[in-house]
Amino acid sequence: MKKNTLPVFAFGIFALSLAIGCKKSDNPAPPTKTVLISAHKWAWVQSSCGALQNCNKDDTFQFLTDNTYKQNTNTLKCSIGESEIIAGNWKFNKAQDSVFIDLKGAEAKIIKLDADSLIIQGSICKLSFAKTN
C-alpha cells in the first residue's frame, strides 16, 4: 500500500513559512518620543536668553513616563531656601512636536529630541539640554 506523503509535505512547507515569516525585523522601530525624553536626565547646555546663571548650571531635569518631572537644583542654589527638587507635570501635545512643562506654564516647540540632546523653543527663549547620568 502506498502512503500519501502530501499532507506531511504540505505541513512542512507551512511550518517553514511560519518560521521565516516570524523572523524579527532587522530594522526595529525607532524609539518613541516618550522613550527618548524619559531615558535619562538632562543637563542645561545653553539658553538663547543669555548666559545661564551659575546657580542653574548644575541643574538636571528628569522627565518620567508618568508625565511628571523632577528638576534637581543640586548644590548651587539660586536663592536661600531653594528646594533641591522641584517637581511638576509635563506632556506632549497631540502631534508630539511640542511639550508643555508646568514649571513656566507654557508650551515649547521641540526643535530636536534624540538620544543625546533636547532643544526646545518657547515664546521667548530657546533652551538646549544634553543627556547626563
Protein backbone atom coordinates (compact mmCIF):
# COMPACT_ATOMS: atom_id res chain seq x y z
CA MET A 1 0.00 0.00 0.00
CA LYS A 2 1.36 3.40 -1.00
CA LYS A 3 1.48 6.08 1.75
CA ASN A 4 0.22 9.56 0.94
CA THR A 5 3.09 11.96 1.76
CA LEU A 6 1.32 15.07 0.51
CA PRO A 7 -0.14 16.07 3.93
CA VAL A 8 3.27 15.71 5.61
CA PHE A 9 4.95 17.69 2.83
CA ALA A 10 2.27 20.44 3.00
CA PHE A 11 2.63 20.67 6.78
CA GLY A 12 6.42 21.00 6.40
CA ILE A 13 6.04 23.87 3.90
CA PHE A 14 3.50 25.57 6.21
CA ALA A 15 5.81 25.26 9.26
CA LEU A 16 8.77 26.60 7.27
CA SER A 17 6.77 29.60 6.05
CA LEU A 18 5.73 30.38 9.63
CA ALA A 19 9.34 30.24 10.80
CA ILE A 20 10.51 32.55 8.03
CA GLY A 21 7.53 34.90 8.42
CA CYS A 22 8.06 35.28 12.16
CA LYS A 23 11.69 36.35 11.85
CA LYS A 24 12.45 39.51 13.82
CA SER A 25 12.87 42.62 11.74
CA ASP A 26 16.39 43.82 11.04
CA ASN A 27 15.04 47.37 11.31
CA PRO A 28 13.50 47.82 14.76
CA ALA A 29 11.04 50.65 15.22
CA PRO A 30 12.66 53.91 16.33
CA PRO A 31 12.13 54.81 19.99
CA THR A 32 9.08 56.90 20.77
CA LYS A 33 9.46 60.50 21.92
CA THR A 34 8.33 59.44 25.39
CA VAL A 35 11.12 56.86 25.49
CA LEU A 36 13.67 59.43 24.28
CA ILE A 37 12.72 62.19 26.72
CA SER A 38 12.46 59.85 29.73
CA ALA A 39 15.52 57.67 29.04
CA HIS A 40 17.87 59.69 31.26
CA LYS A 41 18.41 63.02 32.99
CA TRP A 42 19.04 66.22 31.03
CA ALA A 43 21.51 68.99 31.91
CA TRP A 44 21.35 72.63 30.82
CA VAL A 45 23.71 73.44 27.98
CA GLN A 46 22.58 76.77 26.60
CA SER A 47 19.85 79.39 26.65
CA SER A 48 19.17 81.96 23.95
CA CYS A 49 18.00 84.36 26.70
CA GLY A 50 21.60 84.97 27.71
CA ALA A 51 24.15 83.18 29.82
CA LEU A 52 22.87 80.66 32.31
CA GLN A 53 23.18 81.80 35.90
CA ASN A 54 25.84 79.87 37.80
CA CYS A 55 23.14 78.51 40.10
CA ASN A 56 21.40 76.85 37.13
CA LYS A 57 24.47 75.32 35.52
CA ASP A 58 24.37 72.20 37.71
CA ASP A 59 20.60 71.67 37.48
CA THR A 60 19.32 68.45 35.94
CA PHE A 61 15.86 67.59 34.64
CA GLN A 62 14.28 64.16 34.58
CA PHE A 63 11.09 63.56 32.61
CA LEU A 64 9.30 60.45 33.84
CA THR A 65 6.94 58.24 31.84
CA ASP A 66 4.06 59.08 34.19
CA ASN A 67 4.22 62.68 32.84
CA THR A 68 5.87 64.11 35.92
CA TYR A 69 9.30 65.72 36.01
CA LYS A 70 11.93 66.48 38.60
CA GLN A 71 14.32 69.39 38.42
CA ASN A 72 17.26 68.77 40.74
CA THR A 73 18.89 72.08 41.68
CA ASN A 74 21.89 70.17 43.07
CA THR A 75 24.45 72.13 45.10
CA LEU A 76 24.31 75.60 43.50
CA LYS A 77 21.15 77.34 44.71
CA CYS A 78 19.67 80.49 43.15
CA SER A 79 18.14 81.64 46.43
CA ILE A 80 18.36 80.84 50.10
CA GLY A 81 15.98 78.02 50.96
CA GLU A 82 15.50 76.91 47.35
CA SER A 83 14.27 73.32 47.22
CA GLU A 84 16.71 70.73 45.96
CA ILE A 85 13.94 69.01 44.00
CA ILE A 86 11.31 70.93 42.07
CA ALA A 87 8.59 68.67 40.72
CA GLY A 88 5.75 69.16 38.29
CA ASN A 89 3.97 67.79 35.27
CA TRP A 90 4.80 67.64 31.60
CA LYS A 91 3.05 66.35 28.48
CA PHE A 92 3.38 66.33 24.73
CA ASN A 93 0.76 67.96 22.56
CA LYS A 94 -1.26 65.63 20.34
CA ALA A 95 1.23 65.84 17.44
CA GLN A 96 4.15 65.35 19.86
CA ASP A 97 6.00 68.30 18.32
CA SER A 98 5.62 70.47 21.42
CA VAL A 99 5.95 69.85 25.13
CA PHE A 100 4.10 71.58 27.97
CA ILE A 101 6.11 71.90 31.18
CA ASP A 102 4.11 73.40 34.01
CA LEU A 103 7.20 74.98 35.58
CA LYS A 104 6.77 78.03 33.35
CA GLY A 105 3.19 77.34 32.31
CA ALA A 106 3.87 77.48 28.58
CA GLU A 107 4.20 75.14 25.65
CA ALA A 108 7.56 74.86 23.92
CA LYS A 109 8.20 73.67 20.38
CA ILE A 110 10.53 70.68 20.15
CA ILE A 111 13.36 71.63 17.81
CA LYS A 112 15.38 68.47 18.43
CA LEU A 113 14.87 65.35 20.54
CA ASP A 114 17.18 62.39 20.17
CA ALA A 115 19.16 60.08 22.44
CA ASP A 116 21.72 62.78 23.28
CA SER A 117 20.06 66.19 23.05
CA LEU A 118 16.85 68.08 23.69
CA ILE A 119 16.28 71.55 22.24
CA ILE A 120 13.02 73.38 22.83
CA GLN A 121 11.85 76.81 21.70
CA GLY A 122 9.50 78.74 23.96
CA SER A 123 7.85 82.05 23.18
CA ILE A 124 10.95 83.91 24.40
CA CYS A 125 13.95 81.57 24.62
CA LYS A 126 15.47 78.51 23.03
CA LEU A 127 16.79 76.05 25.63
CA SER A 128 19.31 73.31 24.95
CA PHE A 129 19.91 70.25 27.10
CA ALA A 130 22.31 67.34 26.86
CA LYS A 131 21.99 63.83 28.22
CA THR A 132 23.66 63.33 31.59
CA ASN A 133 23.99 60.49 34.09
